Structures are given as structure tokens and as C-alpha cells.
Amino acid sequence: MRDQSSMDDDKELQPIDYEALLEDEKKRSEDYLNRLRYLQADFENLKKRFDREAEQIKGYCTERLVMQLLDVVDELELAVKAANSSDNPQKTLVEGVEMTLKKLKKVLEQEGVSAIERSEGKVFDPACHNAIAAETREDVKVCSVIEEIRKGYTMKNKVLRPCIVRVAKPSE
């Protein structure tokens, strides 16, 4: 029977394959480096996505305010229209309202708000039109707008408020 010291000597006598250990460590290190590169790329992509979303949020953060201002624009337009249609001796009042309306429209324009162009005669588009009445006509082939009741507005290519319109639809 062998004693313990002779067994320990056998272990020491076995050659250690340093090259194999080095290769294993190189593979592990390369694997870690690849993982790190993927994580870094994922982080950069996530950061870019958050930056894009933050820019979008900044662009539309005034949307609620703009929606309220559009009602003011409507009322000022109605006041100007009513004053111009009658023989109103208070011409200066009308001019003041017109100046206010002009300034308000400029502010909205600076925020990226623009009116949807006149809809009469155009094909009905549910993305930018809201039909409140429809009438059947023989002379139309597709639903088309016959009257614009209230203007619609967009903000940076997003419909804020659709046009309220009456449409003509083809007879079936």
C-alpha cells in the first residue's frame, strides 16, 4: 500500500497543459468581450430610442393648449365674419379682433399648427374629416365633401382636430 506522500508526488509529476488552459481562457475572454459588445450596442440603441421618444414628447407637449386655442380662433373668426357682414359702425373693434386673430394664428403656426386645406369637393377622408351629415346623390361616385362646417387643424403632420363636414354619398 502506498502512503499519502507518494500519492502527492504522483500529482506533482503530471505535466500541466498550460497551452490548453491558455486557450480555454482566451475563449472565455473572447466570449465575455462579445457579450460586452452586444450589451453596449443594445444600450446605444436603447439610448437612441429614448432620445427619439423624448423629442416626440417635446414636439407634442403643447397639444392640449393648442386644442383650447383653436376654439378661440374659431370664435374670433366668427366675430370678424359677423362684423364684416353687417353695417357695423365699430370698425376699429373689428380691426382689433382681426389683429388679435392674426397674432394668435402666428403663435399657432410657430408651434407647427396649420389648418387643413379647404375640403369642399374633395374625397371624404376619415383621417382628417368628421362627417356630421350625409346626403345621397346620383352624380357622385365616391363619398365627397360638399360643405365644411368647421376647420380642421394639424400639428406637425398629426391631425389635432378633424374638419367637421357634410358629405355626399353615391346612391346604391
C-alpha atoms as a PDB file:
ATOM      1  CA  MET A   1       0.000   0.000   0.000  1.00  0.00           C
ATOM      2  CA  ARG A   2       1.187   3.439  -0.881  1.00  0.00           C
ATOM      3  CA  ASP A   3       1.419   6.147   1.630  1.00  0.00           C
ATOM      4  CA  GLN A   4      -0.064   9.579   1.286  1.00  0.00           C
ATOM      5  CA  SER A   5       3.198  11.311   0.426  1.00  0.00           C
ATOM      6  CA  SER A   6       3.790   9.093  -2.606  1.00  0.00           C
ATOM      7  CA  MET A   7       0.322   9.920  -3.959  1.00  0.00           C
ATOM      8  CA  ASP A   8       1.027  13.618  -3.648  1.00  0.00           C
ATOM      9  CA  ASP A   9       4.237  13.101  -5.571  1.00  0.00           C
ATOM     10  CA  ASP A  10       2.289  11.478  -8.435  1.00  0.00           C
ATOM     11  CA  LYS A  11       0.065  14.527  -8.703  1.00  0.00           C
ATOM     12  CA  GLU A  12       3.038  16.805  -8.910  1.00  0.00           C
ATOM     13  CA  LEU A  13       4.646  14.689 -11.559  1.00  0.00           C
ATOM     14  CA  GLN A  14       1.747  15.025 -14.011  1.00  0.00           C
ATOM     15  CA  PRO A  15       2.538  17.759 -16.524  1.00  0.00           C
ATOM     16  CA  ILE A  16       0.111  20.699 -16.648  1.00  0.00           C
ATOM     17  CA  ASP A  17      -1.011  21.646 -20.132  1.00  0.00           C
ATOM     18  CA  TYR A  18      -0.598  25.410 -19.921  1.00  0.00           C
ATOM     19  CA  GLU A  19      -1.359  25.919 -23.576  1.00  0.00           C
ATOM     20  CA  ALA A  20      -4.779  24.255 -23.235  1.00  0.00           C
ATOM     21  CA  LEU A  21      -5.525  26.355 -20.152  1.00  0.00           C
ATOM     22  CA  LEU A  22      -4.459  29.476 -22.036  1.00  0.00           C
ATOM     23  CA  GLU A  23      -6.692  28.582 -24.980  1.00  0.00           C
ATOM     24  CA  ASP A  24      -9.644  27.997 -22.653  1.00  0.00           C
ATOM     25  CA  GLU A  25      -9.089  31.365 -21.003  1.00  0.00           C
ATOM     26  CA  LYS A  26      -8.767  33.068 -24.413  1.00  0.00           C
ATOM     27  CA  LYS A  27     -12.102  31.560 -25.475  1.00  0.00           C
ATOM     28  CA  ARG A  28     -13.790  32.679 -22.255  1.00  0.00           C
ATOM     29  CA  SER A  29     -12.295  36.122 -22.579  1.00  0.00           C
ATOM     30  CA  GLU A  30     -13.448  36.406 -26.230  1.00  0.00           C
ATOM     31  CA  ASP A  31     -16.929  35.261 -25.206  1.00  0.00           C
ATOM     32  CA  TYR A  32     -17.066  37.921 -22.487  1.00  0.00           C
ATOM     33  CA  LEU A  33     -15.828  40.553 -24.924  1.00  0.00           C
ATOM     34  CA  ASN A  34     -18.520  39.617 -27.462  1.00  0.00           C
ATOM     35  CA  ARG A  35     -21.198  39.748 -24.791  1.00  0.00           C
ATOM     36  CA  LEU A  36     -19.943  43.157 -23.729  1.00  0.00           C
ATOM     37  CA  ARG A  37     -20.076  44.409 -27.325  1.00  0.00           C
ATOM     38  CA  TYR A  38     -23.673  43.203 -27.718  1.00  0.00           C
ATOM     39  CA  LEU A  39     -24.670  44.825 -24.442  1.00  0.00           C
ATOM     40  CA  GLN A  40     -23.006  48.064 -25.472  1.00  0.00           C
ATOM     41  CA  ALA A  41     -24.821  48.038 -28.834  1.00  0.00           C
ATOM     42  CA  ASP A  42     -28.135  47.308 -27.086  1.00  0.00           C
ATOM     43  CA  PHE A  43     -27.509  50.184 -24.710  1.00  0.00           C
ATOM     44  CA  GLU A  44     -26.720  52.590 -27.572  1.00  0.00           C
ATOM     45  CA  ASN A  45     -29.892  51.533 -29.433  1.00  0.00           C
ATOM     46  CA  LEU A  46     -31.985  51.980 -26.295  1.00  0.00           C
ATOM     47  CA  LYS A  47     -30.471  55.406 -25.694  1.00  0.00           C
ATOM     48  CA  LYS A  48     -31.248  56.475 -29.282  1.00  0.00           C
ATOM     49  CA  ARG A  49     -34.829  55.225 -28.945  1.00  0.00           C
ATOM     50  CA  PHE A  50     -35.333  57.146 -25.703  1.00  0.00           C
ATOM     51  CA  ASP A  51     -33.894  60.289 -27.308  1.00  0.00           C
ATOM     52  CA  ARG A  52     -36.315  59.952 -30.259  1.00  0.00           C
ATOM     53  CA  GLU A  53     -39.267  59.433 -27.926  1.00  0.00           C
ATOM     54  CA  ALA A  54     -38.231  62.441 -25.816  1.00  0.00           C
ATOM     55  CA  GLU A  55     -38.124  64.592 -28.961  1.00  0.00           C
ATOM     56  CA  GLN A  56     -41.602  63.400 -29.946  1.00  0.00           C
ATOM     57  CA  ILE A  57     -42.932  64.190 -26.488  1.00  0.00           C
ATOM     58  CA  LYS A  58     -41.383  67.659 -26.634  1.00  0.00           C
ATOM     59  CA  GLY A  59     -42.979  68.217 -30.032  1.00  0.00           C
ATOM     60  CA  TYR A  60     -46.490  67.403 -28.842  1.00  0.00           C
ATOM     61  CA  CYS A  61     -46.375  68.609 -25.224  1.00  0.00           C
ATOM     62  CA  THR A  62     -48.281  71.785 -26.126  1.00  0.00           C
ATOM     63  CA  GLU A  63     -51.070  69.859 -27.831  1.00  0.00           C
ATOM     64  CA  ARG A  64     -53.642  70.368 -25.052  1.00  0.00           C
ATOM     65  CA  LEU A  65     -53.011  74.122 -25.020  1.00  0.00           C
ATOM     66  CA  VAL A  66     -53.234  74.314 -28.786  1.00  0.00           C
ATOM     67  CA  MET A  67     -56.567  72.469 -28.765  1.00  0.00           C
ATOM     68  CA  GLN A  68     -58.005  75.111 -26.443  1.00  0.00           C
ATOM     69  CA  LEU A  69     -56.588  77.949 -28.527  1.00  0.00           C
ATOM     70  CA  LEU A  70     -58.253  76.570 -31.648  1.00  0.00           C
ATOM     71  CA  ASP A  71     -61.652  77.239 -30.091  1.00  0.00           C
ATOM     72  CA  VAL A  72     -60.582  80.840 -29.529  1.00  0.00           C
ATOM     73  CA  VAL A  73     -59.556  81.091 -33.179  1.00  0.00           C
ATOM     74  CA  ASP A  74     -62.985  79.808 -34.234  1.00  0.00           C
ATOM     75  CA  GLU A  75     -64.779  82.373 -32.104  1.00  0.00           C
ATOM     76  CA  LEU A  76     -62.616  85.248 -33.330  1.00  0.00           C
ATOM     77  CA  GLU A  77     -63.198  84.179 -36.940  1.00  0.00           C
ATOM     78  CA  LEU A  78     -66.937  84.121 -36.340  1.00  0.00           C
ATOM     79  CA  ALA A  79     -66.825  87.577 -34.748  1.00  0.00           C
ATOM     80  CA  VAL A  80     -64.899  89.002 -37.693  1.00  0.00           C
ATOM     81  CA  LYS A  81     -67.249  87.353 -40.172  1.00  0.00           C
ATOM     82  CA  ALA A  82     -70.356  88.646 -38.378  1.00  0.00           C
ATOM     83  CA  ALA A  83     -68.948  92.154 -38.066  1.00  0.00           C
ATOM     84  CA  ASN A  84     -67.972  92.294 -41.732  1.00  0.00           C
ATOM     85  CA  SER A  85     -71.353  91.044 -42.914  1.00  0.00           C
ATOM     86  CA  SER A  86     -73.333  93.766 -41.145  1.00  0.00           C
ATOM     87  CA  ASP A  87     -73.072  97.529 -41.265  1.00  0.00           C
ATOM     88  CA  ASN A  88     -71.116  97.768 -38.033  1.00  0.00           C
ATOM     89  CA  PRO A  89     -70.071 101.299 -37.150  1.00  0.00           C
ATOM     90  CA  GLN A  90     -67.431  99.998 -34.786  1.00  0.00           C
ATOM     91  CA  LYS A  91     -64.845  99.352 -37.477  1.00  0.00           C
ATOM     92  CA  THR A  92     -61.968  99.761 -35.022  1.00  0.00           C
ATOM     93  CA  LEU A  93     -63.319  96.913 -32.910  1.00  0.00           C
ATOM     94  CA  VAL A  94     -63.356  94.679 -35.955  1.00  0.00           C
ATOM     95  CA  GLU A  95     -59.809  95.709 -36.842  1.00  0.00           C
ATOM     96  CA  GLY A  96     -58.669  94.908 -33.285  1.00  0.00           C
ATOM     97  CA  VAL A  97     -60.263  91.483 -33.398  1.00  0.00           C
ATOM     98  CA  GLU A  98     -58.649  90.872 -36.794  1.00  0.00           C
ATOM     99  CA  MET A  99     -55.222  91.855 -35.425  1.00  0.00           C
ATOM    100  CA  THR A 100     -55.698  89.562 -32.414  1.00  0.00           C
ATOM    101  CA  LEU A 101     -56.733  86.719 -34.680  1.00  0.00           C
ATOM    102  CA  LYS A 102     -53.702  87.299 -36.886  1.00  0.00           C
ATOM    103  CA  LYS A 103     -51.343  87.189 -33.874  1.00  0.00           C
ATOM    104  CA  LEU A 104     -52.992  84.077 -32.490  1.00  0.00           C
ATOM    105  CA  LYS A 105     -52.673  82.303 -35.829  1.00  0.00           C
ATOM    106  CA  LYS A 106     -48.991  83.277 -35.948  1.00  0.00           C
ATOM    107  CA  VAL A 107     -48.398  81.765 -32.490  1.00  0.00           C
ATOM    108  CA  LEU A 108     -50.108  78.559 -33.542  1.00  0.00           C
ATOM    109  CA  GLU A 109     -48.095  78.478 -36.757  1.00  0.00           C
ATOM    110  CA  GLN A 110     -44.858  78.768 -34.762  1.00  0.00           C
ATOM    111  CA  GLU A 111     -45.957  75.707 -32.796  1.00  0.00           C
ATOM    112  CA  GLY A 112     -46.349  73.761 -36.041  1.00  0.00           C
ATOM    113  CA  VAL A 113     -50.134  74.103 -36.273  1.00  0.00           C
ATOM    114  CA  SER A 114     -51.700  74.589 -39.677  1.00  0.00           C
ATOM    115  CA  ALA A 115     -55.244  74.494 -40.994  1.00  0.00           C
ATOM    116  CA  ILE A 116     -56.277  71.544 -43.135  1.00  0.00           C
ATOM    117  CA  GLU A 117     -56.881  72.954 -46.588  1.00  0.00           C
ATOM    118  CA  ARG A 118     -60.457  73.528 -47.722  1.00  0.00           C
ATOM    119  CA  SER A 119     -62.297  70.255 -48.132  1.00  0.00           C
ATOM    120  CA  GLU A 120     -65.220  71.079 -50.412  1.00  0.00           C
ATOM    121  CA  GLY A 121     -65.208  68.849 -53.473  1.00  0.00           C
ATOM    122  CA  LYS A 122     -62.556  66.505 -52.114  1.00  0.00           C
ATOM    123  CA  VAL A 123     -62.946  62.808 -51.374  1.00  0.00           C
ATOM    124  CA  PHE A 124     -64.021  62.147 -47.788  1.00  0.00           C
ATOM    125  CA  ASP A 125     -61.042  61.063 -45.674  1.00  0.00           C
ATOM    126  CA  PRO A 126     -61.943  59.782 -42.182  1.00  0.00           C
ATOM    127  CA  ALA A 127     -58.391  60.535 -41.002  1.00  0.00           C
ATOM    128  CA  CYS A 128     -58.949  64.278 -41.379  1.00  0.00           C
ATOM    129  CA  HIS A 129     -62.741  64.659 -41.788  1.00  0.00           C
ATOM    130  CA  ASN A 130     -65.575  64.089 -39.353  1.00  0.00           C
ATOM    131  CA  ALA A 131     -68.907  63.766 -41.149  1.00  0.00           C
ATOM    132  CA  ILE A 132     -71.926  65.048 -39.260  1.00  0.00           C
ATOM    133  CA  ALA A 133     -74.398  64.741 -42.124  1.00  0.00           C
ATOM    134  CA  ALA A 134     -74.625  62.788 -45.344  1.00  0.00           C
ATOM    135  CA  GLU A 135     -76.923  63.025 -48.308  1.00  0.00           C
ATOM    136  CA  THR A 136     -77.335  60.613 -51.183  1.00  0.00           C
ATOM    137  CA  ARG A 137     -76.682  61.951 -54.665  1.00  0.00           C
ATOM    138  CA  GLU A 138     -76.851  60.394 -58.089  1.00  0.00           C
ATOM    139  CA  ASP A 139     -73.984  62.462 -59.536  1.00  0.00           C
ATOM    140  CA  VAL A 140     -71.207  61.234 -57.192  1.00  0.00           C
ATOM    141  CA  LYS A 141     -69.236  58.000 -57.439  1.00  0.00           C
ATOM    142  CA  VAL A 142     -67.422  58.201 -54.063  1.00  0.00           C
ATOM    143  CA  CYS A 143     -68.175  59.943 -50.782  1.00  0.00           C
ATOM    144  CA  SER A 144     -67.092  63.533 -51.174  1.00  0.00           C
ATOM    145  CA  VAL A 145     -67.237  66.640 -49.026  1.00  0.00           C
ATOM    146  CA  ILE A 146     -69.924  69.144 -50.003  1.00  0.00           C
ATOM    147  CA  GLU A 147     -69.583  71.598 -47.113  1.00  0.00           C
ATOM    148  CA  GLU A 148     -67.013  72.315 -44.436  1.00  0.00           C
ATOM    149  CA  ILE A 149     -68.763  73.261 -41.190  1.00  0.00           C
ATOM    150  CA  ARG A 150     -65.645  73.765 -39.034  1.00  0.00           C
ATOM    151  CA  LYS A 151     -61.965  73.934 -39.978  1.00  0.00           C
ATOM    152  CA  GLY A 152     -59.633  71.129 -39.054  1.00  0.00           C
ATOM    153  CA  TYR A 153     -56.038  71.525 -37.924  1.00  0.00           C
ATOM    154  CA  THR A 154     -52.823  69.525 -37.972  1.00  0.00           C
ATOM    155  CA  MET A 155     -49.764  69.844 -35.785  1.00  0.00           C
ATOM    156  CA  LYS A 156     -46.517  68.579 -37.259  1.00  0.00           C
ATOM    157  CA  ASN A 157     -48.335  66.199 -39.632  1.00  0.00           C
ATOM    158  CA  LYS A 158     -50.667  64.868 -36.905  1.00  0.00           C
ATOM    159  CA  VAL A 159     -54.368  65.664 -37.110  1.00  0.00           C
ATOM    160  CA  LEU A 160     -55.257  67.622 -33.977  1.00  0.00           C
ATOM    161  CA  ARG A 161     -58.841  68.266 -34.861  1.00  0.00           C
ATOM    162  CA  PRO A 162     -60.556  66.900 -37.959  1.00  0.00           C
ATOM    163  CA  CYS A 163     -62.692  69.088 -40.209  1.00  0.00           C
ATOM    164  CA  ILE A 164     -66.399  68.812 -39.483  1.00  0.00           C
ATOM    165  CA  VAL A 165     -68.073  68.303 -42.849  1.00  0.00           C
ATOM    166  CA  ARG A 166     -71.217  67.322 -44.679  1.00  0.00           C
ATOM    167  CA  VAL A 167     -70.741  64.653 -47.315  1.00  0.00           C
ATOM    168  CA  ALA A 168     -72.443  63.434 -50.438  1.00  0.00           C
ATOM    169  CA  LYS A 169     -72.520  59.683 -50.868  1.00  0.00           C
ATOM    170  CA  PRO A 170     -73.318  57.753 -54.030  1.00  0.00           C
ATOM    171  CA  SER A 171     -76.704  56.102 -54.389  1.00  0.00           C
ATOM    172  CA  GLU A 172     -76.539  52.342 -54.237  1.00  0.00           C
END
